[in-house]
Amino acid sequence: MSQRLRRRTCRGVGILTLSNPAISVTVAPELGGRIVSLSDRVSGREWLDGWSPASRRRLWHPSDPSDFATGPGAGIDECLPTVLPCAVGRRKLPDHGELWNRRPELRADAHGISSCWSLECLPLDFERRLTLKGNRMVLDYRLTNRDRRPTPFLWAWHPLFSWKPGDRIRFPRTVDTCLHPGGTERVPWPHPAPGVDLSRAGFPEGATPAAKVFAGPLDRGHAEIHSRTGESLALDWPADLFPYAGVWITRGFWKGLHHWAIEPTNAPVDRLSDIHAPGHPSLLAPGETRSWKLSVTLRP
């Protein structure tokens, strides 16, 4: 399947678009390597909430590089080594991690886009290689501890998907409960409270139109979004390394946006400092490199 890479500038922000006849993916390197468009070229569905060729929304640099909310709130970020700000020992870890506002070292051609970061808040090196295979976007990851001591991490894939009426999230049938961040009490999925249907981003009148929960631990890293017009998006990732999926939903509550996220992650928390269990998969041995793959399949 023929594939090409296009470079251009959109409203002052440089972007790279990798495409084939089935799928188009756009990356903004100077915005932390953020994926700002994921488009099904057959159906025309744009799956990300943010910039797209047909969108009136724009991209911009954050006014405060330490505050995620001052950025455009669009696309797919990599949250590492935490989601919410916290401290681990004497090290302060920034809001939504260190990568979302840092331009990576970049290698790009028609075969793929590689983004590499060396973190400063923790001794970690992180690499993401993006390729297209038919109607799939494939992300290959490598995380290396460059220290002589064990180093903890919390990684969360952070996709802000567009939400449209009739869209529905589906997990494997074994998922029937979920957890609030850092909590231990399980509540039913997708109905954690009367009148709430998280699988359809449904909230009763008068309720806060936003939620964050975690599904898991999962025996299979898989989730889907289905539209009422037939398009679907499927995520697959290794549940042995990342046994949880965060689900974040806002229906106008945050920055007036309507989007939702399915966030594969290694722990049901938003702060790395909340992980205390010894031997947890969030700990990298001295010099250890961990590799994994996440794929997104679009069906028109």
Protein backbone atom coordinates (compact mmCIF):
# COMPACT_ATOMS: atom_id res chain seq x y z
CA MET A 1 0.00 0.00 0.00
CA SER A 2 1.55 3.33 -1.10
CA GLN A 3 2.53 5.69 1.69
CA ARG A 4 3.86 9.24 1.90
CA LEU A 5 5.10 11.84 4.38
CA ARG A 6 4.11 15.48 4.01
CA ARG A 7 5.70 18.39 5.91
CA ARG A 8 4.01 21.76 6.33
CA THR A 9 3.19 24.58 8.72
CA CYS A 10 -0.30 25.18 10.10
CA ARG A 11 -0.91 28.54 11.82
CA GLY A 12 2.71 28.76 12.86
CA VAL A 13 3.06 25.16 14.05
CA GLY A 14 5.09 22.66 12.03
CA ILE A 15 3.32 19.37 11.36
CA LEU A 16 4.11 16.03 9.70
CA THR A 17 1.39 13.94 8.04
CA LEU A 18 1.97 10.24 7.34
CA SER A 19 -0.71 8.71 5.15
CA ASN A 20 -1.75 5.80 2.95
CA PRO A 21 -5.07 5.21 1.15
CA ALA A 22 -6.73 3.96 4.37
CA ILE A 23 -5.48 6.21 7.16
CA SER A 24 -3.84 9.57 7.82
CA VAL A 25 -1.91 10.55 10.97
CA THR A 26 -0.56 14.03 11.75
CA VAL A 27 2.15 14.77 14.34
CA ALA A 28 3.18 18.16 15.77
CA PRO A 29 6.82 17.66 16.85
CA GLU A 30 7.16 21.03 18.60
CA LEU A 31 4.09 20.22 20.74
CA GLY A 32 5.76 17.26 22.42
CA GLY A 33 5.43 14.98 19.41
CA ARG A 34 1.66 15.15 19.89
CA ILE A 35 -0.50 13.23 17.41
CA VAL A 36 -3.08 15.86 16.47
CA SER A 37 -5.07 14.04 13.78
CA LEU A 38 -6.07 10.41 13.24
CA SER A 39 -8.32 10.19 10.22
CA ASP A 40 -10.07 7.34 8.43
CA ARG A 41 -9.60 8.26 4.77
CA VAL A 42 -12.34 5.88 3.63
CA SER A 43 -15.19 7.10 5.86
CA GLY A 44 -13.82 10.58 6.48
CA ARG A 45 -14.14 10.22 10.29
CA GLU A 46 -11.66 12.25 12.35
CA TRP A 47 -11.12 10.32 15.57
CA LEU A 48 -9.21 12.90 17.63
CA ASP A 49 -10.58 15.94 19.40
CA GLY A 50 -8.36 18.75 18.26
CA TRP A 51 -6.85 20.07 15.10
CA SER A 52 -7.77 18.50 11.77
CA PRO A 53 -7.77 19.83 8.20
CA ALA A 54 -11.54 20.45 8.42
CA SER A 55 -11.54 21.81 11.99
CA ARG A 56 -11.78 25.45 13.01
CA ARG A 57 -9.80 24.77 16.17
CA ARG A 58 -6.17 25.76 16.17
CA LEU A 59 -2.94 24.58 17.74
CA TRP A 60 -0.86 26.71 20.06
CA HIS A 61 2.04 26.50 22.47
CA PRO A 62 1.09 26.39 26.18
CA SER A 63 1.22 29.77 27.90
CA ASP A 64 2.58 27.97 30.99
CA PRO A 65 4.80 24.98 30.13
CA SER A 66 4.15 23.51 33.60
CA ASP A 67 0.33 23.61 33.26
CA PHE A 68 -1.25 21.15 30.81
CA ALA A 69 -4.53 23.11 30.85
CA THR A 70 -2.88 26.08 29.11
CA GLY A 71 -2.15 23.93 26.04
CA PRO A 72 -4.63 23.12 23.26
CA GLY A 73 -6.06 20.01 24.98
CA ALA A 74 -5.99 18.13 21.71
CA GLY A 75 -4.79 14.86 20.24
CA ILE A 76 -2.62 12.12 21.74
CA ASP A 77 0.09 12.77 24.33
CA GLU A 78 2.44 10.42 26.15
CA CYS A 79 2.12 10.89 29.92
CA LEU A 80 5.43 9.90 31.55
CA PRO A 81 6.53 9.52 34.34
CA THR A 82 3.24 10.65 35.93
CA VAL A 83 -0.14 12.07 34.97
CA LEU A 84 -0.89 14.49 37.81
CA PRO A 85 2.00 16.40 39.42
CA CYS A 86 3.64 14.84 42.45
CA ALA A 87 7.00 14.27 44.13
CA VAL A 88 9.04 11.07 44.26
CA GLY A 89 11.77 11.47 46.85
CA ARG A 90 13.24 14.90 46.20
CA ARG A 91 12.22 14.93 42.56
CA LYS A 92 9.21 16.98 41.49
CA LEU A 93 7.30 15.45 38.59
CA PRO A 94 5.35 17.86 36.34
CA ASP A 95 1.69 17.97 35.38
CA HIS A 96 0.86 15.30 32.75
CA GLY A 97 4.51 14.28 32.78
CA GLU A 98 7.51 15.74 31.04
CA LEU A 99 6.89 14.93 27.37
CA TRP A 100 3.75 16.80 26.31
CA ASN A 101 5.54 20.17 25.98
CA ARG A 102 9.03 19.00 24.98
CA ARG A 103 10.09 18.66 21.37
CA PRO A 104 11.60 15.18 20.85
CA GLU A 105 14.59 14.22 18.78
CA LEU A 106 12.89 13.30 15.52
CA ARG A 107 13.53 10.98 12.59
CA ALA A 108 10.86 10.90 9.89
CA ASP A 109 10.42 9.52 6.40
CA ALA A 110 7.70 7.81 4.39
CA HIS A 111 8.21 4.61 6.41
CA GLY A 112 7.48 6.13 9.82
CA ILE A 113 8.07 8.81 12.47
CA SER A 114 10.38 8.18 15.44
CA SER A 115 10.32 10.46 18.49
CA CYS A 116 12.93 10.20 21.28
CA TRP A 117 13.12 11.96 24.65
CA SER A 118 15.64 11.91 27.52
CA LEU A 119 13.74 12.84 30.66
CA GLU A 120 15.20 15.24 33.21
CA CYS A 121 12.91 14.64 36.21
CA LEU A 122 13.78 10.90 36.28
CA PRO A 123 16.66 9.03 34.56
CA LEU A 124 14.55 7.59 31.74
CA ASP A 125 14.91 7.48 27.95
CA PHE A 126 11.72 7.05 25.93
CA GLU A 127 11.20 6.28 22.26
CA ARG A 128 8.05 5.98 20.14
CA ARG A 129 8.06 4.84 16.52
CA LEU A 130 4.87 5.43 14.55
CA THR A 131 4.16 3.36 11.44
CA LEU A 132 1.12 2.59 9.30
CA LYS A 133 0.09 -0.90 8.25
CA GLY A 134 -3.03 -0.81 6.11
CA ASN A 135 -5.82 0.57 8.29
CA ARG A 136 -3.71 0.38 11.48
CA MET A 137 -1.52 2.90 13.26
CA VAL A 138 1.20 0.98 15.10
CA LEU A 139 3.19 2.55 17.94
CA ASP A 140 6.38 0.76 19.03
CA TYR A 141 7.77 1.90 22.38
CA ARG A 142 11.08 1.57 24.23
CA LEU A 143 11.64 2.79 27.80
CA THR A 144 15.13 2.59 29.32
CA ASN A 145 16.34 3.23 32.85
CA ARG A 146 19.73 4.89 32.43
CA ASP A 147 20.43 4.88 36.17
CA ARG A 148 22.33 2.37 38.30
CA ARG A 149 19.38 2.19 40.68
CA PRO A 150 15.81 0.97 40.15
CA THR A 151 13.59 3.74 38.79
CA PRO A 152 9.78 3.90 39.03
CA PHE A 153 7.50 5.16 36.27
CA LEU A 154 3.85 5.67 35.43
CA TRP A 155 3.00 5.67 31.73
CA ALA A 156 -0.44 6.52 30.39
CA TRP A 157 -1.31 6.77 26.73
CA HIS A 158 -3.37 9.95 26.62
CA PRO A 159 -5.67 10.10 23.56
CA LEU A 160 -8.40 12.74 23.52
CA PHE A 161 -10.88 11.14 21.13
CA SER A 162 -13.70 13.13 19.60
CA TRP A 163 -17.09 12.27 21.06
CA LYS A 164 -20.18 12.24 18.84
CA PRO A 165 -23.77 11.34 19.79
CA GLY A 166 -24.26 7.61 19.45
CA ASP A 167 -20.60 6.70 20.05
CA ARG A 168 -20.03 3.82 22.48
CA ILE A 169 -17.01 2.36 24.29
CA ARG A 170 -16.75 -1.42 24.47
CA PHE A 171 -14.38 -3.46 26.62
CA PRO A 172 -14.13 -7.28 26.66
CA ARG A 173 -17.14 -8.90 28.35
CA THR A 174 -15.09 -9.73 31.45
CA VAL A 175 -14.98 -6.00 32.31
CA ASP A 176 -17.99 -5.35 34.52
CA THR A 177 -16.49 -3.14 37.27
CA CYS A 178 -14.16 -0.16 37.48
CA LEU A 179 -12.24 1.88 40.05
CA HIS A 180 -12.05 5.57 40.83
CA PRO A 181 -8.43 6.88 40.70
CA GLY A 182 -6.44 5.49 43.60
CA GLY A 183 -9.53 3.81 45.04
CA THR A 184 -10.09 0.23 46.14
CA GLU A 185 -13.90 0.07 46.06
CA ARG A 186 -15.25 -1.34 42.81
CA VAL A 187 -18.28 0.15 41.13
CA PRO A 188 -20.23 -1.28 38.17
CA TRP A 189 -19.03 -0.60 34.65
CA PRO A 190 -20.44 1.23 32.77
CA HIS A 191 -23.05 2.39 35.31
CA PRO A 192 -21.15 3.51 38.45
CA ALA A 193 -24.07 5.67 39.61
CA PRO A 194 -27.80 5.99 38.83
CA GLY A 195 -28.40 7.53 35.44
CA VAL A 196 -24.72 7.42 34.43
CA ASP A 197 -23.61 5.42 31.38
CA LEU A 198 -19.88 5.88 30.91
CA SER A 199 -19.86 3.68 27.80
CA ARG A 200 -21.97 6.35 26.07
CA ALA A 201 -20.70 9.42 27.95
CA GLY A 202 -24.17 9.81 29.45
CA PHE A 203 -24.79 11.85 32.62
CA PRO A 204 -28.11 12.74 34.25
CA GLU A 205 -29.33 16.34 34.17
CA GLY A 206 -27.72 18.39 36.92
CA ALA A 207 -24.80 16.02 37.45
CA THR A 208 -21.18 17.01 36.84
CA PRO A 209 -20.65 16.06 33.17
CA ALA A 210 -17.21 14.52 33.66
CA ALA A 211 -15.70 11.32 35.08
CA LYS A 212 -12.43 9.41 35.46
CA VAL A 213 -12.34 5.69 36.25
CA PHE A 214 -10.04 2.73 35.63
CA ALA A 215 -11.00 -0.61 34.11
CA GLY A 216 -8.88 -3.57 35.15
CA PRO A 217 -6.80 -5.44 35.93
CA LEU A 218 -7.38 -6.73 32.40
CA ASP A 219 -6.51 -10.15 31.04
CA ARG A 220 -6.64 -8.67 27.54
CA GLY A 221 -5.56 -5.19 26.52
CA HIS A 222 -8.37 -4.33 24.16
CA ALA A 223 -11.04 -1.63 23.83
CA GLU A 224 -13.20 -0.26 21.04
CA ILE A 225 -15.23 2.81 20.14
CA HIS A 226 -18.20 2.28 17.82
CA SER A 227 -20.20 5.01 16.11
CA ARG A 228 -23.89 4.85 15.28
CA THR A 229 -23.00 5.19 11.59
CA GLY A 230 -20.81 2.08 11.61
CA GLU A 231 -17.24 3.37 11.95
CA SER A 232 -15.12 1.84 14.69
CA LEU A 233 -11.75 2.23 16.36
CA ALA A 234 -10.01 -0.64 18.16
CA LEU A 235 -7.06 -0.41 20.59
CA ASP A 236 -4.76 -3.33 21.41
CA TRP A 237 -1.89 -3.33 23.92
CA PRO A 238 -0.07 -5.83 26.20
CA ALA A 239 -2.12 -6.30 29.37
CA ASP A 240 0.76 -8.06 31.14
CA LEU A 241 2.70 -4.77 31.18
CA PHE A 242 -0.26 -2.36 31.24
CA PRO A 243 -3.18 -4.13 32.95
CA TYR A 244 -5.42 -1.07 33.36
CA ALA A 245 -7.24 1.38 31.11
CA GLY A 246 -8.21 4.79 32.39
CA VAL A 247 -11.43 6.23 30.99
CA TRP A 248 -11.69 10.02 31.06
CA ILE A 249 -14.84 11.80 29.88
CA THR A 250 -15.75 15.47 29.70
CA ARG A 251 -19.00 16.77 28.27
CA GLY A 252 -18.12 20.46 28.33
CA PHE A 253 -16.82 20.35 31.93
CA TRP A 254 -13.12 20.87 31.05
CA LYS A 255 -12.36 23.89 28.81
CA GLY A 256 -15.80 23.52 27.24
CA LEU A 257 -14.64 20.42 25.33
CA HIS A 258 -16.59 17.26 24.54
CA HIS A 259 -14.21 14.33 24.31
CA TRP A 260 -13.24 11.09 25.97
CA ALA A 261 -10.11 8.99 26.40
CA ILE A 262 -9.18 5.34 26.78
CA GLU A 263 -5.77 5.33 28.48
CA PRO A 264 -3.75 2.08 28.72
CA THR A 265 -1.57 2.37 31.82
CA ASN A 266 0.40 0.31 34.32
CA ALA A 267 -1.50 1.34 37.48
CA PRO A 268 -4.98 2.63 38.43
CA VAL A 269 -3.62 5.95 39.72
CA ASP A 270 -2.82 9.37 38.28
CA ARG A 271 0.22 10.09 40.47
CA LEU A 272 3.39 8.02 40.43
CA SER A 273 3.76 8.76 44.16
CA ASP A 274 0.57 6.72 44.81
CA ILE A 275 2.24 3.46 43.71
CA HIS A 276 3.74 1.77 46.76
CA ALA A 277 3.58 -1.99 46.19
CA PRO A 278 7.05 -3.60 46.01
CA GLY A 279 7.69 -5.56 42.83
CA HIS A 280 5.06 -3.53 40.95
CA PRO A 281 5.54 -3.53 37.13
CA SER A 282 6.12 0.23 37.40
CA LEU A 283 9.70 -0.33 38.56
CA LEU A 284 12.56 -0.59 36.05
CA ALA A 285 15.72 -2.40 37.12
CA PRO A 286 19.09 -0.64 36.66
CA GLY A 287 19.80 -0.37 32.93
CA GLU A 288 16.57 -2.22 32.04
CA THR A 289 14.85 -1.56 28.72
CA ARG A 290 11.17 -2.36 28.36
CA SER A 291 9.54 -2.58 24.93
CA TRP A 292 5.89 -2.80 23.93
CA LYS A 293 3.49 -2.15 21.09
CA LEU A 294 0.14 -0.40 20.88
CA SER A 295 -2.02 -0.50 17.76
CA VAL A 296 -5.08 1.46 16.63
CA THR A 297 -7.24 -0.14 13.94
CA LEU A 298 -9.80 1.95 12.05
CA ARG A 299 -12.74 0.41 10.27
CA PRO A 300 -15.04 2.55 8.08
